PDB file of N, CA and C in Angstrom:
ATOM      1  N   MET A   1       0.834  -1.179   0.000  1.00  0.00           N
ATOM      2  CA  MET A   1       0.000   0.000   0.000  1.00  0.00           C
ATOM      3  C   MET A   1       0.884   1.249   0.000  1.00  0.00           C
ATOM      4  N   ILE A   2       0.467   2.265  -0.692  1.00  0.00           N
ATOM      5  CA  ILE A   2       1.263   3.484  -0.849  1.00  0.00           C
ATOM      6  C   ILE A   2       1.524   4.182   0.494  1.00  0.00           C
ATOM      7  N   THR A   3       0.573   4.162   1.406  1.00  0.00           N
ATOM      8  CA  THR A   3       0.778   4.859   2.685  1.00  0.00           C
ATOM      9  C   THR A   3       1.839   4.181   3.533  1.00  0.00           C
ATOM     10  N   ASP A   4       2.036   2.875   3.379  1.00  0.00           N
ATOM     11  CA  ASP A   4       3.091   2.192   4.125  1.00  0.00           C
ATOM     12  C   ASP A   4       4.449   2.770   3.759  1.00  0.00           C
ATOM     13  N   HIS A   5       4.673   3.011   2.471  1.00  0.00           N
ATOM     14  CA  HIS A   5       5.933   3.576   2.001  1.00  0.00           C
ATOM     15  C   HIS A   5       6.081   5.037   2.445  1.00  0.00           C
ATOM     16  N   LEU A   6       4.982   5.759   2.506  1.00  0.00           N
ATOM     17  CA  LEU A   6       5.005   7.158   2.912  1.00  0.00           C
ATOM     18  C   LEU A   6       5.594   7.322   4.312  1.00  0.00           C
ATOM     19  N   PHE A   7       5.247   6.451   5.222  1.00  0.00           N
ATOM     20  CA  PHE A   7       5.726   6.581   6.596  1.00  0.00           C
ATOM     21  C   PHE A   7       7.214   6.281   6.724  1.00  0.00           C
ATOM     22  N   GLU A   8       7.771   5.541   5.778  1.00  0.00           N
ATOM     23  CA  GLU A   8       9.217   5.315   5.772  1.00  0.00           C
ATOM     24  C   GLU A   8       9.971   6.589   5.413  1.00  0.00           C
ATOM     25  N   LEU A   9       9.300   7.495   4.721  1.00  0.00           N
ATOM     26  CA  LEU A   9       9.921   8.735   4.254  1.00  0.00           C
ATOM     27  C   LEU A   9       9.528   9.941   5.090  1.00  0.00           C
ATOM     28  N   THR A  10       8.975   9.708   6.262  1.00  0.00           N
ATOM     29  CA  THR A  10       8.431  10.781   7.079  1.00  0.00           C
ATOM     30  C   THR A  10       9.073  10.784   8.463  1.00  0.00           C
ATOM     31  N   GLY A  11       9.425  11.964   8.931  1.00  0.00           N
ATOM     32  CA  GLY A  11       9.918  12.148  10.281  1.00  0.00           C
ATOM     33  C   GLY A  11       9.108  13.236  10.963  1.00  0.00           C
ATOM     34  N   TYR A  12       9.243  13.341  12.260  1.00  0.00           N
ATOM     35  CA  TYR A  12       8.457  14.314  13.022  1.00  0.00           C
ATOM     36  C   TYR A  12       9.310  14.991  14.077  1.00  0.00           C
ATOM     37  N   ARG A  13       9.000  16.234  14.327  1.00  0.00           N
ATOM     38  CA  ARG A  13       9.480  16.930  15.513  1.00  0.00           C
ATOM     39  C   ARG A  13       8.207  17.302  16.264  1.00  0.00           C
ATOM     40  N   ILE A  14       7.927  16.564  17.311  1.00  0.00           N
ATOM     41  CA  ILE A  14       6.640  16.643  17.990  1.00  0.00           C
ATOM     42  C   ILE A  14       6.634  17.747  19.042  1.00  0.00           C
ATOM     43  N   ASP A  15       5.635  18.602  18.934  1.00  0.00           N
ATOM     44  CA  ASP A  15       5.403  19.683  19.886  1.00  0.00           C
ATOM     45  C   ASP A  15       4.631  19.111  21.078  1.00  0.00           C
ATOM     46  N   LYS A  16       4.742  19.750  22.216  1.00  0.00           N
ATOM     47  CA  LYS A  16       3.987  19.300  23.389  1.00  0.00           C
ATOM     48  C   LYS A  16       2.511  19.684  23.291  1.00  0.00           C
ATOM     49  N   GLU A  17       2.199  20.633  22.421  1.00  0.00           N
ATOM     50  CA  GLU A  17       0.818  21.078  22.223  1.00  0.00           C
ATOM     51  C   GLU A  17       0.339  20.690  20.831  1.00  0.00           C
ATOM     52  N   SER A  18      -0.884  20.205  20.762  1.00  0.00           N
ATOM     53  CA  SER A  18      -1.471  19.810  19.491  1.00  0.00           C
ATOM     54  C   SER A  18      -1.807  21.026  18.636  1.00  0.00           C
ATOM     55  N   HIS A  19      -1.657  20.882  17.346  1.00  0.00           N
ATOM     56  CA  HIS A  19      -2.037  21.945  16.405  1.00  0.00           C
ATOM     57  C   HIS A  19      -3.487  21.782  15.944  1.00  0.00           C
ATOM     58  N   ILE A  20      -4.123  20.723  16.390  1.00  0.00           N
ATOM     59  CA  ILE A  20      -5.527  20.469  16.080  1.00  0.00           C
ATOM     60  C   ILE A  20      -6.285  20.272  17.382  1.00  0.00           C
ATOM     61  N   THR A  21      -7.400  20.973  17.510  1.00  0.00           N
ATOM     62  CA  THR A  21      -8.262  20.814  18.679  1.00  0.00           C
ATOM     63  C   THR A  21      -9.536  20.127  18.219  1.00  0.00           C
ATOM     64  N   VAL A  22      -9.898  19.055  18.909  1.00  0.00           N
ATOM     65  CA  VAL A  22     -11.094  18.285  18.564  1.00  0.00           C
ATOM     66  C   VAL A  22     -12.172  18.563  19.603  1.00  0.00           C
ATOM     67  N   ASN A  23     -13.328  18.997  19.143  1.00  0.00           N
ATOM     68  CA  ASN A  23     -14.476  19.198  20.025  1.00  0.00           C
ATOM     69  C   ASN A  23     -15.224  17.870  20.098  1.00  0.00           C
ATOM     70  N   ARG A  24     -14.911  17.076  21.095  1.00  0.00           N
ATOM     71  CA  ARG A  24     -15.462  15.722  21.208  1.00  0.00           C
ATOM     72  C   ARG A  24     -16.971  15.715  21.418  1.00  0.00           C
ATOM     73  N   GLU A  25     -17.495  16.775  22.011  1.00  0.00           N
ATOM     74  CA  GLU A  25     -18.957  16.881  22.182  1.00  0.00           C
ATOM     75  C   GLU A  25     -19.640  16.875  20.812  1.00  0.00           C
ATOM     76  N   MET A  26     -19.099  17.657  19.886  1.00  0.00           N
ATOM     77  CA  MET A  26     -19.676  17.726  18.547  1.00  0.00           C
ATOM     78  C   MET A  26     -19.522  16.391  17.812  1.00  0.00           C
ATOM     79  N   CYS A  27     -18.441  15.686  18.082  1.00  0.00           N
ATOM     80  CA  CYS A  27     -18.183  14.413  17.414  1.00  0.00           C
ATOM     81  C   CYS A  27     -19.216  13.345  17.785  1.00  0.00           C
ATOM     82  N   THR A  28     -19.761  13.430  18.965  1.00  0.00           N
ATOM     83  CA  THR A  28     -20.732  12.414  19.377  1.00  0.00           C
ATOM     84  C   THR A  28     -22.008  12.469  18.544  1.00  0.00           C
ATOM     85  N   SER A  29     -22.303  13.620  17.937  1.00  0.00           N
ATOM     86  CA  SER A  29     -23.499  13.728  17.101  1.00  0.00           C
ATOM     87  C   SER A  29     -23.228  13.342  15.642  1.00  0.00           C
ATOM     88  N   CYS A  30     -21.998  13.029  15.319  1.00  0.00           N
ATOM     89  CA  CYS A  30     -21.631  12.681  13.944  1.00  0.00           C
ATOM     90  C   CYS A  30     -22.087  11.255  13.639  1.00  0.00           C
ATOM     91  N   ASP A  31     -22.751  11.091  12.505  1.00  0.00           N
ATOM     92  CA  ASP A  31     -23.259   9.769  12.148  1.00  0.00           C
ATOM     93  C   ASP A  31     -22.373   9.014  11.159  1.00  0.00           C
ATOM     94  N   HIS A  32     -21.315   9.653  10.621  1.00  0.00           N
ATOM     95  CA  HIS A  32     -20.477   8.974   9.626  1.00  0.00           C
ATOM     96  C   HIS A  32     -19.014   8.844  10.036  1.00  0.00           C
ATOM     97  N   ARG A  33     -18.549   9.690  10.931  1.00  0.00           N
ATOM     98  CA  ARG A  33     -17.162   9.672  11.425  1.00  0.00           C
ATOM     99  C   ARG A  33     -16.145   9.565  10.285  1.00  0.00           C
ATOM    100  N   ALA A  34     -16.298  10.451   9.332  1.00  0.00           N
ATOM    101  CA  ALA A  34     -15.452  10.435   8.142  1.00  0.00           C
ATOM    102  C   ALA A  34     -13.969  10.620   8.469  1.00  0.00           C
ATOM    103  N   CYS A  35     -13.650  11.352   9.520  1.00  0.00           N
ATOM    104  CA  CYS A  35     -12.242  11.576   9.873  1.00  0.00           C
ATOM    105  C   CYS A  35     -11.524  10.255  10.155  1.00  0.00           C
ATOM    106  N   VAL A  36     -12.240   9.309  10.744  1.00  0.00           N
ATOM    107  CA  VAL A  36     -11.653   8.009  11.070  1.00  0.00           C
ATOM    108  C   VAL A  36     -11.242   7.273   9.794  1.00  0.00           C
ATOM    109  N   PHE A  37     -12.027   7.421   8.741  1.00  0.00           N
ATOM    110  CA  PHE A  37     -11.793   6.664   7.516  1.00  0.00           C
ATOM    111  C   PHE A  37     -10.948   7.402   6.485  1.00  0.00           C
ATOM    112  N   THR A  38     -10.829   8.713   6.601  1.00  0.00           N
ATOM    113  CA  THR A  38     -10.116   9.469   5.568  1.00  0.00           C
ATOM    114  C   THR A  38      -8.723   9.941   5.966  1.00  0.00           C
ATOM    115  N   CYS A  39      -8.423  10.002   7.230  1.00  0.00           N
ATOM    116  CA  CYS A  39      -7.090  10.464   7.658  1.00  0.00           C
ATOM    117  C   CYS A  39      -6.035   9.456   7.177  1.00  0.00           C
ATOM    118  N   PRO A  40      -5.116   9.890   6.300  1.00  0.00           N
ATOM    119  CA  PRO A  40      -4.116   8.949   5.783  1.00  0.00           C
ATOM    120  C   PRO A  40      -3.133   8.460   6.847  1.00  0.00           C
ATOM    121  N   ALA A  41      -3.005   9.204   7.934  1.00  0.00           N
ATOM    122  CA  ALA A  41      -2.091   8.805   9.008  1.00  0.00           C
ATOM    123  C   ALA A  41      -2.794   8.009  10.102  1.00  0.00           C
ATOM    124  N   GLY A  42      -4.109   7.893  10.025  1.00  0.00           N
ATOM    125  CA  GLY A  42      -4.849   7.138  11.034  1.00  0.00           C
ATOM    126  C   GLY A  42      -4.844   7.812  12.396  1.00  0.00           C
ATOM    127  N   CYS A  43      -4.877   9.136  12.409  1.00  0.00           N
ATOM    128  CA  CYS A  43      -4.811   9.883  13.674  1.00  0.00           C
ATOM    129  C   CYS A  43      -6.111   9.840  14.476  1.00  0.00           C
ATOM    130  N   TYR A  44      -7.211   9.493  13.821  1.00  0.00           N
ATOM    131  CA  TYR A  44      -8.522   9.495  14.477  1.00  0.00           C
ATOM    132  C   TYR A  44      -9.019   8.063  14.644  1.00  0.00           C
ATOM    133  N   GLU A  45      -9.581   7.796  15.802  1.00  0.00           N
ATOM    134  CA  GLU A  45     -10.137   6.471  16.077  1.00  0.00           C
ATOM    135  C   GLU A  45     -11.385   6.629  16.930  1.00  0.00           C
ATOM    136  N   TRP A  46     -12.433   5.907  16.571  1.00  0.00           N
ATOM    137  CA  TRP A  46     -13.646   5.934  17.382  1.00  0.00           C
ATOM    138  C   TRP A  46     -13.481   4.962  18.529  1.00  0.00           C
ATOM    139  N   ASN A  47     -13.600   5.469  19.744  1.00  0.00           N
ATOM    140  CA  ASN A  47     -13.483   4.672  20.956  1.00  0.00           C
ATOM    141  C   ASN A  47     -14.890   4.249  21.364  1.00  0.00           C
ATOM    142  N   GLU A  48     -15.261   3.043  21.021  1.00  0.00           N
ATOM    143  CA  GLU A  48     -16.614   2.548  21.283  1.00  0.00           C
ATOM    144  C   GLU A  48     -16.912   2.515  22.779  1.00  0.00           C
ATOM    145  N   ALA A  49     -15.970   2.068  23.572  1.00  0.00           N
ATOM    146  CA  ALA A  49     -16.184   1.965  25.022  1.00  0.00           C
ATOM    147  C   ALA A  49     -16.430   3.330  25.657  1.00  0.00           C
ATOM    148  N   GLY A  50     -15.689   4.334  25.204  1.00  0.00           N
ATOM    149  CA  GLY A  50     -15.843   5.677  25.747  1.00  0.00           C
ATOM    150  C   GLY A  50     -16.829   6.534  24.979  1.00  0.00           C
ATOM    151  N   ALA A  51     -17.335   6.009  23.859  1.00  0.00           N
ATOM    152  CA  ALA A  51     -18.253   6.733  22.969  1.00  0.00           C
ATOM    153  C   ALA A  51     -17.693   8.116  22.621  1.00  0.00           C
ATOM    154  N   ARG A  52     -16.428   8.119  22.138  1.00  0.00           N
ATOM    155  CA  ARG A  52     -15.770   9.384  21.798  1.00  0.00           C
ATOM    156  C   ARG A  52     -14.715   9.161  20.720  1.00  0.00           C
ATOM    157  N   ILE A  53     -14.294  10.241  20.116  1.00  0.00           N
ATOM    158  CA  ILE A  53     -13.185  10.221  19.155  1.00  0.00           C
ATOM    159  C   ILE A  53     -11.889  10.352  19.945  1.00  0.00           C
ATOM    160  N   ASP A  54     -10.946   9.477  19.657  1.00  0.00           N
ATOM    161  CA  ASP A  54      -9.596   9.614  20.191  1.00  0.00           C
ATOM    162  C   ASP A  54      -8.728  10.149  19.058  1.00  0.00           C
ATOM    163  N   PHE A  55      -7.828  11.041  19.386  1.00  0.00           N
ATOM    164  CA  PHE A  55      -7.017  11.725  18.387  1.00  0.00           C
ATOM    165  C   PHE A  55      -5.559  11.751  18.821  1.00  0.00           C
ATOM    166  N   ALA A  56      -4.668  11.381  17.902  1.00  0.00           N
ATOM    167  CA  ALA A  56      -3.232  11.397  18.167  1.00  0.00           C
ATOM    168  C   ALA A  56      -2.563  12.330  17.151  1.00  0.00           C
ATOM    169  N   TYR A  57      -2.312  13.552  17.557  1.00  0.00           N
ATOM    170  CA  TYR A  57      -1.741  14.550  16.639  1.00  0.00           C
ATOM    171  C   TYR A  57      -0.293  14.262  16.275  1.00  0.00           C
ATOM    172  N   GLU A  58       0.376  13.452  17.047  1.00  0.00           N
ATOM    173  CA  GLU A  58       1.807  13.212  16.855  1.00  0.00           C
ATOM    174  C   GLU A  58       2.137  12.614  15.489  1.00  0.00           C
ATOM    175  N   ALA A  59       1.204  11.902  14.876  1.00  0.00           N
ATOM    176  CA  ALA A  59       1.450  11.271  13.578  1.00  0.00           C
ATOM    177  C   ALA A  59       0.853  12.054  12.415  1.00  0.00           C
ATOM    178  N   CYS A  60       0.347  13.237  12.666  1.00  0.00           N
ATOM    179  CA  CYS A  60      -0.347  14.024  11.649  1.00  0.00           C
ATOM    180  C   CYS A  60       0.585  14.384  10.488  1.00  0.00           C
ATOM    181  N   LEU A  61       0.080  14.198   9.267  1.00  0.00           N
ATOM    182  CA  LEU A  61       0.828  14.543   8.060  1.00  0.00           C
ATOM    183  C   LEU A  61       0.552  15.970   7.595  1.00  0.00           C
ATOM    184  N   GLU A  62      -0.297  16.686   8.315  1.00  0.00           N
ATOM    185  CA  GLU A  62      -0.636  18.083   8.031  1.00  0.00           C
ATOM    186  C   GLU A  62      -1.251  18.275   6.646  1.00  0.00           C
ATOM    187  N   CYS A  63      -1.998  17.306   6.191  1.00  0.00           N
ATOM    188  CA  CYS A  63      -2.608  17.388   4.859  1.00  0.00           C
ATOM    189  C   CYS A  63      -3.917  18.174   4.872  1.00  0.00           C
ATOM    190  N   GLY A  64      -4.574  18.278   6.032  1.00  0.00           N
ATOM    191  CA  GLY A  64      -5.819  19.026   6.142  1.00  0.00           C
ATOM    192  C   GLY A  64      -7.065  18.238   5.769  1.00  0.00           C
ATOM    193  N   THR A  65      -6.923  16.974   5.447  1.00  0.00           N
ATOM    194  CA  THR A  65      -8.076  16.160   5.058  1.00  0.00           C
ATOM    195  C   THR A  65      -9.155  16.165   6.129  1.00  0.00           C
ATOM    196  N   CYS A  66      -8.777  16.018   7.367  1.00  0.00           N
ATOM    197  CA  CYS A  66      -9.756  15.975   8.466  1.00  0.00           C
ATOM    198  C   CYS A  66     -10.548  17.276   8.545  1.00  0.00           C
ATOM    199  N   HIS A  67      -9.861  18.385   8.361  1.00  0.00           N
ATOM    200  CA  HIS A  67     -10.516  19.696   8.435  1.00  0.00           C
ATOM    201  C   HIS A  67     -11.524  19.873   7.303  1.00  0.00           C
ATOM    202  N   ILE A  68     -11.174  19.385   6.147  1.00  0.00           N
ATOM    203  CA  ILE A  68     -12.059  19.495   4.986  1.00  0.00           C
ATOM    204  C   ILE A  68     -13.258  18.560   5.125  1.00  0.00           C
ATOM    205  N   ILE A  69     -13.029  17.344   5.584  1.00  0.00           N
ATOM    206  CA  ILE A  69     -14.081  16.324   5.615  1.00  0.00           C
ATOM    207  C   ILE A  69     -15.051  16.486   6.788  1.00  0.00           C
ATOM    208  N   CYS A  70     -14.654  17.178   7.841  1.00  0.00           N
ATOM    209  CA  CYS A  70     -15.513  17.330   9.020  1.00  0.00           C
ATOM    210  C   CYS A  70     -16.611  18.353   8.739  1.00  0.00           C
ATOM    211  N   ASP A  71     -17.821  17.856   8.536  1.00  0.00           N
ATOM    212  CA  ASP A  71     -18.937  18.754   8.243  1.00  0.00           C
ATOM    213  C   ASP A  71     -19.668  19.215   9.506  1.00  0.00           C
ATOM    214  N   LYS A  72     -19.178  18.822  10.665  1.00  0.00           N
ATOM    215  CA  LYS A  72     -19.761  19.240  11.941  1.00  0.00           C
ATOM    216  C   LYS A  72     -19.048  20.461  12.524  1.00  0.00           C
ATOM    217  N   GLY A  73     -17.905  20.814  11.956  1.00  0.00           N
ATOM    218  CA  GLY A  73     -17.136  21.938  12.488  1.00  0.00           C
ATOM    219  C   GLY A  73     -16.482  21.619  13.816  1.00  0.00           C
ATOM    220  N   ALA A  74     -16.160  20.352  14.025  1.00  0.00           N
ATOM    221  CA  ALA A  74     -15.626  19.913  15.310  1.00  0.00           C
ATOM    222  C   ALA A  74     -14.115  20.065  15.429  1.00  0.00           C
ATOM    223  N   LEU A  75     -13.456  20.473  14.346  1.00  0.00           N
ATOM    224  CA  LEU A  75     -12.001  20.577  14.374  1.00  0.00           C
ATOM    225  C   LEU A  75     -11.541  22.016  14.210  1.00  0.00           C
ATOM    226  N   GLN A  76     -10.630  22.402  15.051  1.00  0.00           N
ATOM    227  CA  GLN A  76      -9.937  23.686  14.890  1.00  0.00           C
ATOM    228  C   GLN A  76      -8.522  23.305  14.459  1.00  0.00           C
ATOM    229  N   TRP A  77      -8.201  23.580  13.204  1.00  0.00           N
ATOM    230  CA  TRP A  77      -6.980  23.094  12.580  1.00  0.00           C
ATOM    231  C   TRP A  77      -6.039  24.249  12.285  1.00  0.00           C
ATOM    232  N   ASN A  78      -4.797  24.095  12.698  1.00  0.00           N
ATOM    233  CA  ASN A  78      -3.737  25.065  12.411  1.00  0.00           C
ATOM    234  C   ASN A  78      -2.487  24.292  12.020  1.00  0.00           C
ATOM    235  N   TYR A  79      -1.567  24.944  11.361  1.00  0.00           N
ATOM    236  CA  TYR A  79      -0.267  24.325  11.154  1.00  0.00           C
ATOM    237  C   TYR A  79       0.472  24.327  12.486  1.00  0.00           C
ATOM    238  N   PRO A  80       1.379  23.380  12.698  1.00  0.00           N
ATOM    239  CA  PRO A  80       2.170  23.384  13.935  1.00  0.00           C
ATOM    240  C   PRO A  80       3.032  24.642  14.032  1.00  0.00           C
ATOM    241  N   ARG A  81       3.443  24.935  15.247  1.00  0.00           N
ATOM    242  CA  ARG A  81       4.357  26.064  15.455  1.00  0.00           C
ATOM    243  C   ARG A  81       5.635  25.830  14.661  1.00  0.00           C
ATOM    244  N   GLY A  82       6.324  26.909  14.332  1.00  0.00           N
ATOM    245  CA  GLY A  82       7.556  26.828  13.557  1.00  0.00           C
ATOM    246  C   GLY A  82       8.555  25.846  14.134  1.00  0.00           C
ATOM    247  N   GLY A  83       9.090  25.000  13.286  1.00  0.00           N
ATOM    248  CA  GLY A  83      10.091  24.025  13.701  1.00  0.00           C
ATOM    249  C   GLY A  83       9.508  22.696  14.152  1.00  0.00           C
ATOM    250  N   PHE A  84       8.187  22.627  14.304  1.00  0.00           N
ATOM    251  CA  PHE A  84       7.547  21.391  14.748  1.00  0.00           C
ATOM    252  C   PHE A  84       6.713  20.799  13.620  1.00  0.00           C
ATOM    253  N   GLY A  85       6.370  19.542  13.785  1.00  0.00           N
ATOM    254  CA  GLY A  85       5.487  18.872  12.840  1.00  0.00           C
ATOM    255  C   GLY A  85       6.210  17.875  11.964  1.00  0.00           C
ATOM    256  N   VAL A  86       5.593  17.587  10.850  1.00  0.00           N
ATOM    257  CA  VAL A  86       6.080  16.567   9.936  1.00  0.00           C
ATOM    258  C   VAL A  86       7.288  17.064   9.147  1.00  0.00           C
ATOM    259  N   ARG A  87       8.206  16.146   8.862  1.00  0.00           N
ATOM    260  CA  ARG A  87       9.351  16.420   8.010  1.00  0.00           C
ATOM    261  C   ARG A  87       9.453  15.286   7.013  1.00  0.00           C
ATOM    262  N   TYR A  88       9.295  15.623   5.747  1.00  0.00           N
ATOM    263  CA  TYR A  88       9.342  14.608   4.700  1.00  0.00           C
ATOM    264  C   TYR A  88      10.774  14.411   4.253  1.00  0.00           C
ATOM    265  N   ARG A  89      11.186  13.164   4.176  1.00  0.00           N
ATOM    266  CA  ARG A  89      12.536  12.806   3.721  1.00  0.00           C
ATOM    267  C   ARG A  89      12.392  12.119   2.371  1.00  0.00           C
ATOM    268  N   LEU A  90      12.493  12.873   1.319  1.00  0.00           N
ATOM    269  CA  LEU A  90      12.260  12.322  -0.011  1.00  0.00           C
ATOM    270  C   LEU A  90      13.542  11.928  -0.736  1.00  0.00           C
ATOM    271  N   THR A  91      14.673  12.115  -0.101  1.00  0.00           N
ATOM    272  CA  THR A  91      15.925  11.705  -0.756  1.00  0.00           C
ATOM    273  C   THR A  91      16.657  10.712   0.096  1.00  0.00           C
TER     274      THR A  91
END
């Protein structure tokens, strides 16, 4: 799969603060949970036991797919602070 190879070429400098804020209250009313299925990095997961979205920003590829696909307005998305976030190693 293409995404498997992508992670071999990706590095991160992880900030202590997330660049994405998830409003979990709004997520509970979502009937499709598109973020879980469309995030290429798999940062979103539906926690059935807790009835909530779990989010791991540390693996974010900063593509913005989640922000575009969320029709509930539950995500506040920003780029990471300077010097933090994803680093692509293409050579």
